[in-house]
């Protein structure tokens, strides 16, 4: 699925929202692989971007922990 901002999403959706396990790739090449809830990174996941990797918890799209 191509999102309005040019991001690419592959994974589960519910009621037109990113929900459950998925992969989100931003136009700048950064990506997140993990759980989504209400279109936001939520729970366990991995973020790769700009030579940086974070693996852990996310809460409302923010690295948490």
C-alpha atoms as a PDB file:
ATOM      1  CA  UNK A   1       0.000   0.000   0.000  1.00  0.00           C
ATOM      2  CA  UNK A   2       1.358   3.435  -0.927  1.00  0.00           C
ATOM      3  CA  UNK A   3       0.446   6.071   1.672  1.00  0.00           C
ATOM      4  CA  UNK A   4      -0.310   9.761   0.887  1.00  0.00           C
ATOM      5  CA  UNK A   5       3.167  10.893   2.075  1.00  0.00           C
ATOM      6  CA  UNK A   6       4.864   8.453  -0.334  1.00  0.00           C
ATOM      7  CA  UNK A   7       5.634   5.834   2.312  1.00  0.00           C
ATOM      8  CA  UNK A   8       5.172   2.161   1.498  1.00  0.00           C
ATOM      9  CA  UNK A   9       3.371  -0.171   3.915  1.00  0.00           C
ATOM     10  CA  UNK A  10       3.146  -3.932   3.805  1.00  0.00           C
ATOM     11  CA  UNK A  11       1.200  -5.650   6.539  1.00  0.00           C
ATOM     12  CA  UNK A  12      -2.095  -5.884   8.310  1.00  0.00           C
ATOM     13  CA  UNK A  13      -4.776  -3.210   8.304  1.00  0.00           C
ATOM     14  CA  UNK A  14      -8.111  -2.805  10.007  1.00  0.00           C
ATOM     15  CA  UNK A  15     -10.698  -0.154   9.121  1.00  0.00           C
ATOM     16  CA  UNK A  16      -8.162   1.553   6.812  1.00  0.00           C
ATOM     17  CA  UNK A  17      -5.593   1.878   9.607  1.00  0.00           C
ATOM     18  CA  UNK A  18      -2.207   0.224  10.064  1.00  0.00           C
ATOM     19  CA  UNK A  19      -2.951  -2.434  12.650  1.00  0.00           C
ATOM     20  CA  UNK A  20      -0.924  -5.476  13.756  1.00  0.00           C
ATOM     21  CA  UNK A  21       2.394  -6.606  12.246  1.00  0.00           C
ATOM     22  CA  UNK A  22       3.824  -4.658   9.342  1.00  0.00           C
ATOM     23  CA  UNK A  23       6.695  -2.970   7.542  1.00  0.00           C
ATOM     24  CA  UNK A  24       6.664   0.780   6.882  1.00  0.00           C
ATOM     25  CA  UNK A  25       9.301   2.277   4.567  1.00  0.00           C
ATOM     26  CA  UNK A  26       9.532   6.082   4.458  1.00  0.00           C
ATOM     27  CA  UNK A  27      10.439   7.915   1.219  1.00  0.00           C
ATOM     28  CA  UNK A  28      13.868   8.756   2.703  1.00  0.00           C
ATOM     29  CA  UNK A  29      14.684   5.034   3.152  1.00  0.00           C
ATOM     30  CA  UNK A  30      14.119   4.776   6.901  1.00  0.00           C
ATOM     31  CA  UNK A  31      11.944   1.866   7.927  1.00  0.00           C
ATOM     32  CA  UNK A  32      10.120   0.307  10.827  1.00  0.00           C
ATOM     33  CA  UNK A  33       9.302  -3.375  11.178  1.00  0.00           C
ATOM     34  CA  UNK A  34       6.993  -4.331  14.013  1.00  0.00           C
ATOM     35  CA  UNK A  35       3.590  -3.788  15.553  1.00  0.00           C
ATOM     36  CA  UNK A  36       1.163  -0.998  14.724  1.00  0.00           C
ATOM     37  CA  UNK A  37      -1.910   0.239  16.525  1.00  0.00           C
ATOM     38  CA  UNK A  38      -4.137   3.012  15.122  1.00  0.00           C
ATOM     39  CA  UNK A  39      -1.555   3.958  12.435  1.00  0.00           C
ATOM     40  CA  UNK A  40       1.288   4.279  14.971  1.00  0.00           C
ATOM     41  CA  UNK A  41       4.246   2.123  15.959  1.00  0.00           C
ATOM     42  CA  UNK A  42       3.152   0.463  19.194  1.00  0.00           C
ATOM     43  CA  UNK A  43       4.792  -2.449  21.011  1.00  0.00           C
ATOM     44  CA  UNK A  44       7.842  -4.407  19.879  1.00  0.00           C
ATOM     45  CA  UNK A  45       9.638  -3.339  16.729  1.00  0.00           C
ATOM     46  CA  UNK A  46      12.855  -2.424  14.956  1.00  0.00           C
ATOM     47  CA  UNK A  47      13.628   0.976  13.419  1.00  0.00           C
ATOM     48  CA  UNK A  48      16.458   1.475  10.906  1.00  0.00           C
ATOM     49  CA  UNK A  49      17.443   4.894   9.665  1.00  0.00           C
ATOM     50  CA  UNK A  50      20.348   7.216   9.034  1.00  0.00           C
ATOM     51  CA  UNK A  51      22.945   4.636  10.164  1.00  0.00           C
ATOM     52  CA  UNK A  52      20.988   4.034  13.363  1.00  0.00           C
ATOM     53  CA  UNK A  53      19.170   0.937  14.593  1.00  0.00           C
ATOM     54  CA  UNK A  54      16.799   0.713  17.536  1.00  0.00           C
ATOM     55  CA  UNK A  55      15.237  -2.565  18.592  1.00  0.00           C
ATOM     56  CA  UNK A  56      12.760  -2.501  21.441  1.00  0.00           C
ATOM     57  CA  UNK A  57       9.480  -0.976  22.518  1.00  0.00           C
ATOM     58  CA  UNK A  58       7.529   1.808  20.838  1.00  0.00           C
ATOM     59  CA  UNK A  59       4.661   3.856  22.215  1.00  0.00           C
ATOM     60  CA  UNK A  60       2.614   6.205  20.011  1.00  0.00           C
ATOM     61  CA  UNK A  61       5.340   6.247  17.307  1.00  0.00           C
ATOM     62  CA  UNK A  62       8.119   6.992  19.811  1.00  0.00           C
ATOM     63  CA  UNK A  63      11.014   4.803  20.931  1.00  0.00           C
ATOM     64  CA  UNK A  64      10.126   3.769  24.459  1.00  0.00           C
ATOM     65  CA  UNK A  65      12.733   2.309  26.757  1.00  0.00           C
END
